[in-house]
Amino acid sequence: MAISSCDVISMSQARANLSQLAAQAKAGVEKIITKNGESYVAIIDVQRLDHYHRLEREHIHLLLIDDASKGLADVATGKVKDARNTLAAIKRRRTPKARG
């Protein structure tokens, strides 16, 4: 759904017409509220908000699956390091050297 100029309203207009804006959001019309001329918040239906949150979680899951696939591909091609040796090397780099 595209946002048109009539869907962008100022904070003062939103205060004066909150019930009407809530009814429009429930009907599927998203509103952008501005403060000092800048986009500030949006009014959307709660079901649409839930949908956006589900999409965000799914996106995160897809990213994790992609990272896991890349990791498995590295293991399959032998692009791995021993964890104990790598952690020991990191600790050595972080430990301040004694002054002599």
N, C-alpha and C. Protein backbone atom coordinates (compact mmCIF):
# COMPACT_ATOMS: atom_id res chain seq x y z
N MET A 1 0.85 -1.18 0.00
CA MET A 1 0.00 0.00 0.00
C MET A 1 0.89 1.24 0.00
N ALA A 2 0.64 2.14 -0.91
CA ALA A 2 1.43 3.37 -1.01
C ALA A 2 0.89 4.42 -0.05
N ILE A 3 1.80 5.21 0.46
CA ILE A 3 1.43 6.32 1.34
C ILE A 3 1.28 7.57 0.47
N SER A 4 0.16 8.26 0.61
CA SER A 4 -0.04 9.50 -0.15
C SER A 4 0.10 10.69 0.79
N SER A 5 0.09 11.88 0.22
CA SER A 5 0.28 13.08 1.04
C SER A 5 -0.83 13.25 2.07
N CYS A 6 -2.03 12.74 1.79
CA CYS A 6 -3.11 12.87 2.77
C CYS A 6 -2.93 11.90 3.95
N ASP A 7 -1.98 10.97 3.82
CA ASP A 7 -1.70 10.03 4.91
C ASP A 7 -0.60 10.55 5.84
N VAL A 8 -0.07 11.72 5.54
CA VAL A 8 0.96 12.34 6.37
C VAL A 8 0.33 13.52 7.09
N ILE A 9 0.35 13.45 8.43
CA ILE A 9 -0.32 14.50 9.20
C ILE A 9 0.60 14.97 10.33
N SER A 10 0.35 16.17 10.78
CA SER A 10 1.16 16.73 11.87
C SER A 10 0.70 16.17 13.21
N MET A 11 1.56 16.32 14.20
CA MET A 11 1.24 15.85 15.55
C MET A 11 0.00 16.57 16.08
N SER A 12 -0.12 17.86 15.82
CA SER A 12 -1.29 18.60 16.32
C SER A 12 -2.57 18.09 15.67
N GLN A 13 -2.53 17.78 14.37
CA GLN A 13 -3.70 17.21 13.71
C GLN A 13 -4.03 15.83 14.30
N ALA A 14 -3.00 15.06 14.58
CA ALA A 14 -3.20 13.72 15.15
C ALA A 14 -3.86 13.81 16.51
N ARG A 15 -3.42 14.75 17.34
CA ARG A 15 -4.03 14.91 18.67
C ARG A 15 -5.51 15.23 18.54
N ALA A 16 -5.83 16.10 17.61
CA ALA A 16 -7.22 16.55 17.46
C ALA A 16 -8.12 15.48 16.85
N ASN A 17 -7.53 14.53 16.11
CA ASN A 17 -8.34 13.56 15.38
C ASN A 17 -7.95 12.11 15.67
N LEU A 18 -7.51 11.82 16.88
CA LEU A 18 -6.99 10.49 17.19
C LEU A 18 -8.02 9.38 16.96
N SER A 19 -9.26 9.58 17.38
CA SER A 19 -10.27 8.53 17.20
C SER A 19 -10.50 8.25 15.72
N GLN A 20 -10.57 9.29 14.92
CA GLN A 20 -10.77 9.13 13.48
C GLN A 20 -9.57 8.42 12.85
N LEU A 21 -8.36 8.79 13.27
CA LEU A 21 -7.15 8.16 12.74
C LEU A 21 -7.09 6.69 13.12
N ALA A 22 -7.47 6.38 14.34
CA ALA A 22 -7.48 4.98 14.79
C ALA A 22 -8.47 4.16 13.96
N ALA A 23 -9.63 4.72 13.67
CA ALA A 23 -10.62 4.02 12.86
C ALA A 23 -10.09 3.80 11.44
N GLN A 24 -9.40 4.79 10.89
CA GLN A 24 -8.83 4.64 9.55
C GLN A 24 -7.73 3.58 9.54
N ALA A 25 -6.91 3.56 10.59
CA ALA A 25 -5.85 2.55 10.68
C ALA A 25 -6.45 1.16 10.77
N LYS A 26 -7.51 1.02 11.55
CA LYS A 26 -8.19 -0.26 11.67
C LYS A 26 -8.74 -0.72 10.33
N ALA A 27 -9.11 0.25 9.48
CA ALA A 27 -9.64 -0.06 8.15
C ALA A 27 -8.52 -0.31 7.14
N GLY A 28 -7.26 -0.19 7.58
CA GLY A 28 -6.13 -0.50 6.71
C GLY A 28 -5.37 0.69 6.16
N VAL A 29 -5.74 1.90 6.55
CA VAL A 29 -5.05 3.10 6.06
C VAL A 29 -3.97 3.49 7.06
N GLU A 30 -2.71 3.37 6.64
CA GLU A 30 -1.60 3.72 7.52
C GLU A 30 -1.39 5.24 7.48
N LYS A 31 -1.05 5.79 8.62
CA LYS A 31 -0.82 7.23 8.73
C LYS A 31 0.58 7.48 9.26
N ILE A 32 1.23 8.50 8.73
CA ILE A 32 2.53 8.95 9.21
C ILE A 32 2.30 10.26 9.95
N ILE A 33 2.78 10.31 11.18
CA ILE A 33 2.65 11.54 11.97
C ILE A 33 4.00 12.23 11.99
N THR A 34 3.97 13.53 11.74
CA THR A 34 5.20 14.31 11.72
C THR A 34 5.30 15.17 12.97
N LYS A 35 6.53 15.46 13.33
CA LYS A 35 6.80 16.37 14.44
C LYS A 35 7.89 17.31 13.96
N ASN A 36 7.62 18.59 14.04
CA ASN A 36 8.55 19.61 13.53
C ASN A 36 8.90 19.36 12.07
N GLY A 37 7.93 18.89 11.30
CA GLY A 37 8.12 18.69 9.87
C GLY A 37 8.85 17.41 9.48
N GLU A 38 9.24 16.60 10.45
CA GLU A 38 9.96 15.35 10.18
C GLU A 38 9.08 14.15 10.53
N SER A 39 9.22 13.05 9.78
CA SER A 39 8.50 11.82 10.11
C SER A 39 8.83 11.43 11.54
N TYR A 40 7.82 11.04 12.30
CA TYR A 40 8.03 10.77 13.72
C TYR A 40 7.55 9.38 14.11
N VAL A 41 6.27 9.08 13.88
CA VAL A 41 5.71 7.77 14.19
C VAL A 41 4.65 7.43 13.14
N ALA A 42 4.20 6.18 13.19
CA ALA A 42 3.14 5.74 12.28
C ALA A 42 1.99 5.16 13.08
N ILE A 43 0.81 5.30 12.55
CA ILE A 43 -0.36 4.64 13.12
C ILE A 43 -0.78 3.56 12.13
N ILE A 44 -0.76 2.31 12.61
CA ILE A 44 -1.16 1.18 11.77
C ILE A 44 -2.02 0.23 12.59
N ASP A 45 -2.75 -0.60 11.90
CA ASP A 45 -3.58 -1.61 12.54
C ASP A 45 -2.70 -2.61 13.28
N VAL A 46 -3.13 -3.10 14.41
CA VAL A 46 -2.33 -4.02 15.21
C VAL A 46 -2.06 -5.33 14.48
N GLN A 47 -2.98 -5.79 13.66
CA GLN A 47 -2.74 -7.01 12.89
C GLN A 47 -1.63 -6.79 11.86
N ARG A 48 -1.58 -5.60 11.27
CA ARG A 48 -0.51 -5.28 10.32
C ARG A 48 0.82 -5.22 11.07
N LEU A 49 0.82 -4.65 12.26
CA LEU A 49 2.04 -4.59 13.07
C LEU A 49 2.53 -6.01 13.40
N ASP A 50 1.61 -6.88 13.80
CA ASP A 50 1.99 -8.28 14.06
C ASP A 50 2.59 -8.93 12.81
N HIS A 51 1.99 -8.64 11.66
CA HIS A 51 2.50 -9.18 10.40
C HIS A 51 3.93 -8.69 10.15
N TYR A 52 4.19 -7.41 10.36
CA TYR A 52 5.53 -6.85 10.18
C TYR A 52 6.53 -7.52 11.12
N HIS A 53 6.11 -7.77 12.34
CA HIS A 53 7.00 -8.43 13.31
C HIS A 53 7.29 -9.87 12.89
N ARG A 54 6.28 -10.57 12.38
CA ARG A 54 6.51 -11.93 11.89
C ARG A 54 7.49 -11.93 10.72
N LEU A 55 7.32 -10.97 9.81
CA LEU A 55 8.24 -10.86 8.68
C LEU A 55 9.67 -10.60 9.14
N GLU A 56 9.81 -9.75 10.14
CA GLU A 56 11.14 -9.45 10.67
C GLU A 56 11.77 -10.71 11.28
N ARG A 57 11.01 -11.46 12.06
CA ARG A 57 11.52 -12.70 12.65
C ARG A 57 11.91 -13.70 11.55
N GLU A 58 11.07 -13.82 10.52
CA GLU A 58 11.38 -14.73 9.42
C GLU A 58 12.66 -14.31 8.71
N HIS A 59 12.84 -13.02 8.54
CA HIS A 59 14.05 -12.50 7.90
C HIS A 59 15.29 -12.87 8.74
N ILE A 60 15.18 -12.70 10.04
CA ILE A 60 16.29 -13.05 10.94
C ILE A 60 16.59 -14.55 10.83
N HIS A 61 15.55 -15.37 10.80
CA HIS A 61 15.74 -16.81 10.68
C HIS A 61 16.42 -17.17 9.36
N LEU A 62 16.03 -16.51 8.29
CA LEU A 62 16.66 -16.77 6.99
C LEU A 62 18.14 -16.38 7.00
N LEU A 63 18.46 -15.28 7.66
CA LEU A 63 19.86 -14.87 7.78
C LEU A 63 20.66 -15.90 8.58
N LEU A 64 20.07 -16.41 9.67
CA LEU A 64 20.75 -17.42 10.47
C LEU A 64 20.97 -18.71 9.67
N ILE A 65 19.96 -19.10 8.91
CA ILE A 65 20.10 -20.30 8.07
C ILE A 65 21.20 -20.10 7.04
N ASP A 66 21.25 -18.91 6.44
CA ASP A 66 22.30 -18.61 5.46
C ASP A 66 23.68 -18.68 6.10
N ASP A 67 23.82 -18.09 7.29
CA ASP A 67 25.11 -18.15 8.00
C ASP A 67 25.50 -19.59 8.33
N ALA A 68 24.53 -20.37 8.78
CA ALA A 68 24.81 -21.78 9.09
C ALA A 68 25.22 -22.54 7.83
N SER A 69 24.56 -22.28 6.72
CA SER A 69 24.91 -22.93 5.46
C SER A 69 26.33 -22.59 5.04
N LYS A 70 26.70 -21.31 5.20
CA LYS A 70 28.06 -20.89 4.86
C LYS A 70 29.08 -21.58 5.78
N GLY A 71 28.73 -21.71 7.04
CA GLY A 71 29.61 -22.39 7.98
C GLY A 71 29.80 -23.85 7.63
N LEU A 72 28.71 -24.50 7.28
CA LEU A 72 28.80 -25.91 6.88
C LEU A 72 29.61 -26.07 5.60
N ALA A 73 29.47 -25.12 4.69
CA ALA A 73 30.27 -25.17 3.45
C ALA A 73 31.75 -25.00 3.78
N ASP A 74 32.08 -24.13 4.73
CA ASP A 74 33.48 -23.97 5.16
C ASP A 74 34.02 -25.26 5.75
N VAL A 75 33.21 -25.92 6.58
CA VAL A 75 33.64 -27.19 7.17
C VAL A 75 33.87 -28.23 6.08
N ALA A 76 32.96 -28.27 5.12
CA ALA A 76 33.07 -29.26 4.04
C ALA A 76 34.32 -29.05 3.19
N THR A 77 34.76 -27.79 3.05
CA THR A 77 35.94 -27.51 2.23
C THR A 77 37.21 -27.40 3.07
N GLY A 78 37.10 -27.65 4.37
CA GLY A 78 38.28 -27.64 5.23
C GLY A 78 38.73 -26.27 5.67
N LYS A 79 37.90 -25.26 5.51
CA LYS A 79 38.25 -23.90 5.94
C LYS A 79 37.89 -23.72 7.42
N VAL A 80 38.59 -24.45 8.27
CA VAL A 80 38.31 -24.42 9.70
C VAL A 80 39.61 -24.24 10.48
N LYS A 81 39.46 -23.78 11.72
CA LYS A 81 40.59 -23.66 12.63
C LYS A 81 40.22 -24.35 13.92
N ASP A 82 41.22 -24.84 14.62
CA ASP A 82 41.01 -25.46 15.92
C ASP A 82 40.57 -24.38 16.91
N ALA A 83 39.45 -24.61 17.59
CA ALA A 83 38.88 -23.61 18.48
C ALA A 83 39.80 -23.30 19.66
N ARG A 84 40.40 -24.32 20.27
CA ARG A 84 41.26 -24.08 21.45
C ARG A 84 42.47 -23.23 21.07
N ASN A 85 43.11 -23.56 19.96
CA ASN A 85 44.27 -22.79 19.53
C ASN A 85 43.90 -21.35 19.16
N THR A 86 42.77 -21.18 18.51
CA THR A 86 42.33 -19.85 18.10
C THR A 86 42.00 -19.00 19.33
N LEU A 87 41.27 -19.57 20.30
CA LEU A 87 40.95 -18.83 21.53
C LEU A 87 42.21 -18.48 22.31
N ALA A 88 43.16 -19.40 22.38
CA ALA A 88 44.42 -19.13 23.08
C ALA A 88 45.17 -17.98 22.40
N ALA A 89 45.17 -17.95 21.08
CA ALA A 89 45.84 -16.87 20.35
C ALA A 89 45.16 -15.53 20.62
N ILE A 90 43.85 -15.52 20.69
CA ILE A 90 43.11 -14.28 20.98
C ILE A 90 43.44 -13.80 22.38
N LYS A 91 43.46 -14.71 23.35
CA LYS A 91 43.79 -14.34 24.73
C LYS A 91 45.20 -13.79 24.84
N ARG A 92 46.13 -14.38 24.12
CA ARG A 92 47.52 -13.88 24.14
C ARG A 92 47.60 -12.46 23.60
N ARG A 93 46.84 -12.19 22.54
CA ARG A 93 46.86 -10.84 21.97
C ARG A 93 46.26 -9.82 22.92
N ARG A 94 45.29 -10.23 23.72
CA ARG A 94 44.60 -9.31 24.64
C ARG A 94 45.36 -9.10 25.96
N THR A 95 46.23 -10.02 26.31
CA THR A 95 46.96 -9.92 27.58
C THR A 95 48.07 -8.90 27.42
N PRO A 96 48.07 -7.87 28.32
CA PRO A 96 49.15 -6.87 28.24
C PRO A 96 50.51 -7.51 28.59
N LYS A 97 51.52 -7.13 27.86
CA LYS A 97 52.85 -7.68 28.09
C LYS A 97 53.49 -6.97 29.28
N ALA A 98 54.20 -7.76 30.10
CA ALA A 98 54.87 -7.20 31.28
C ALA A 98 56.02 -6.29 30.83
N ARG A 99 56.19 -5.17 31.56
CA ARG A 99 57.29 -4.26 31.24
C ARG A 99 58.57 -4.78 31.87
N GLY A 100 59.63 -4.67 31.14
CA GLY A 100 60.88 -5.23 31.62
C GLY A 100 61.90 -4.26 31.85
